Amino acid sequence: MGVSVYGVNLTLMWTMIGLYALHKERPGLAGMLYGLAGLTMLYSLPITFAVGMYLLLRSRKDSLRFFLGFLAVFGIANLVLAFVPGYLEQVIFY
């Protein structure tokens, strides 16, 4: 058993807490939690996109808060890590 199992568990944890935040009508916090899920494993990004599109159909204001929260965590972390030698090749382009 590899360490990827722990990544899946963490990704699922962040995703489910994000769904709970959406249920409590906290789209900004949900976006941040989905950003953490995306940082844990990139496999969660299609789910993040689907949730964002659902919010876009429901409310533009909520979808904007969601995507800003997501970009605050996922975007800034990847922007900082992009300056680490080999990060983009080993993580993003792999």
Protein backbone atom coordinates (compact mmCIF):
# COMPACT_ATOMS: atom_id res chain seq x y z
CA MET A 1 0.00 0.00 0.00
CA GLY A 2 1.45 3.33 -1.05
CA VAL A 3 1.22 6.76 0.42
CA SER A 4 -1.28 7.87 -2.22
CA VAL A 5 -4.04 6.34 -0.09
CA TYR A 6 -3.43 9.06 2.50
CA GLY A 7 -3.66 11.71 -0.22
CA VAL A 8 -7.02 10.35 -1.31
CA ASN A 9 -8.27 10.42 2.28
CA LEU A 10 -7.12 14.00 2.77
CA THR A 11 -8.58 15.10 -0.56
CA LEU A 12 -11.91 13.53 0.29
CA MET A 13 -11.82 15.16 3.72
CA TRP A 14 -11.27 18.67 2.27
CA THR A 15 -13.94 18.05 -0.38
CA MET A 16 -16.55 16.91 2.11
CA ILE A 17 -15.83 19.77 4.51
CA GLY A 18 -16.17 22.08 1.49
CA LEU A 19 -19.59 20.59 0.73
CA TYR A 20 -20.57 21.19 4.34
CA ALA A 21 -19.44 24.81 4.03
CA LEU A 22 -21.61 25.15 0.91
CA HIS A 23 -24.53 23.67 2.83
CA LYS A 24 -24.00 26.34 5.49
CA GLU A 25 -23.90 28.97 2.69
CA ARG A 26 -20.23 29.88 3.11
CA PRO A 27 -19.00 29.77 -0.53
CA GLY A 28 -15.72 31.59 0.16
CA LEU A 29 -14.71 29.11 2.83
CA ALA A 30 -15.84 26.25 0.59
CA GLY A 31 -13.61 27.57 -2.19
CA MET A 32 -10.64 27.66 0.18
CA LEU A 33 -11.31 24.09 1.26
CA TYR A 34 -11.58 22.95 -2.35
CA GLY A 35 -8.27 24.75 -2.92
CA LEU A 36 -6.72 22.63 -0.18
CA ALA A 37 -8.19 19.53 -1.82
CA GLY A 38 -6.64 20.60 -5.13
CA LEU A 39 -3.27 21.09 -3.47
CA THR A 40 -3.49 17.64 -1.92
CA MET A 41 -4.35 15.86 -5.19
CA LEU A 42 -5.04 17.35 -8.59
CA TYR A 43 -7.75 14.74 -9.17
CA SER A 44 -10.20 16.89 -7.22
CA LEU A 45 -10.08 19.75 -9.74
CA PRO A 46 -12.92 18.39 -11.96
CA ILE A 47 -15.15 18.20 -8.87
CA THR A 48 -14.19 21.76 -8.00
CA PHE A 49 -15.08 22.87 -11.53
CA ALA A 50 -18.44 21.09 -11.36
CA VAL A 51 -19.31 22.66 -8.00
CA GLY A 52 -18.27 26.06 -9.34
CA MET A 53 -20.50 25.65 -12.40
CA TYR A 54 -23.41 24.65 -10.18
CA LEU A 55 -22.87 27.77 -8.11
CA LEU A 56 -22.65 29.86 -11.27
CA LEU A 57 -26.09 28.63 -12.32
CA ARG A 58 -27.47 29.23 -8.83
CA SER A 59 -25.90 32.57 -7.95
CA ARG A 60 -23.16 34.63 -9.58
CA LYS A 61 -22.24 36.21 -6.27
CA ASP A 62 -21.72 32.82 -4.60
CA SER A 63 -19.74 31.48 -7.55
CA LEU A 64 -17.46 34.52 -7.49
CA ARG A 65 -16.82 34.06 -3.78
CA PHE A 66 -16.17 30.35 -4.34
CA PHE A 67 -13.65 30.90 -7.14
CA LEU A 68 -11.92 33.74 -5.28
CA GLY A 69 -11.57 31.51 -2.22
CA PHE A 70 -10.26 28.70 -4.40
CA LEU A 71 -7.74 30.95 -6.12
CA ALA A 72 -6.64 32.44 -2.79
CA VAL A 73 -5.43 29.01 -1.67
CA PHE A 74 -4.71 27.00 -4.82
CA GLY A 75 -3.53 29.86 -7.03
CA ILE A 76 -1.26 31.59 -4.55
CA ALA A 77 0.28 28.34 -3.31
CA ASN A 78 1.03 27.19 -6.87
CA LEU A 79 2.37 30.62 -7.78
CA VAL A 80 4.80 30.46 -4.86
CA LEU A 81 5.73 26.83 -5.55
CA ALA A 82 6.30 27.59 -9.24
CA PHE A 83 9.59 29.19 -8.24
CA VAL A 84 10.81 25.94 -6.65
CA PRO A 85 13.09 24.25 -9.20
CA GLY A 86 11.39 21.27 -10.83
CA TYR A 87 7.95 21.83 -9.25
CA LEU A 88 6.07 22.50 -12.47
CA GLU A 89 7.64 19.56 -14.31
CA GLN A 90 7.16 17.08 -11.47
CA VAL A 91 3.70 18.10 -10.31
CA ILE A 92 1.76 19.98 -12.97
CA PHE A 93 3.17 18.69 -16.26
CA TYR A 94 3.61 15.08 -15.12
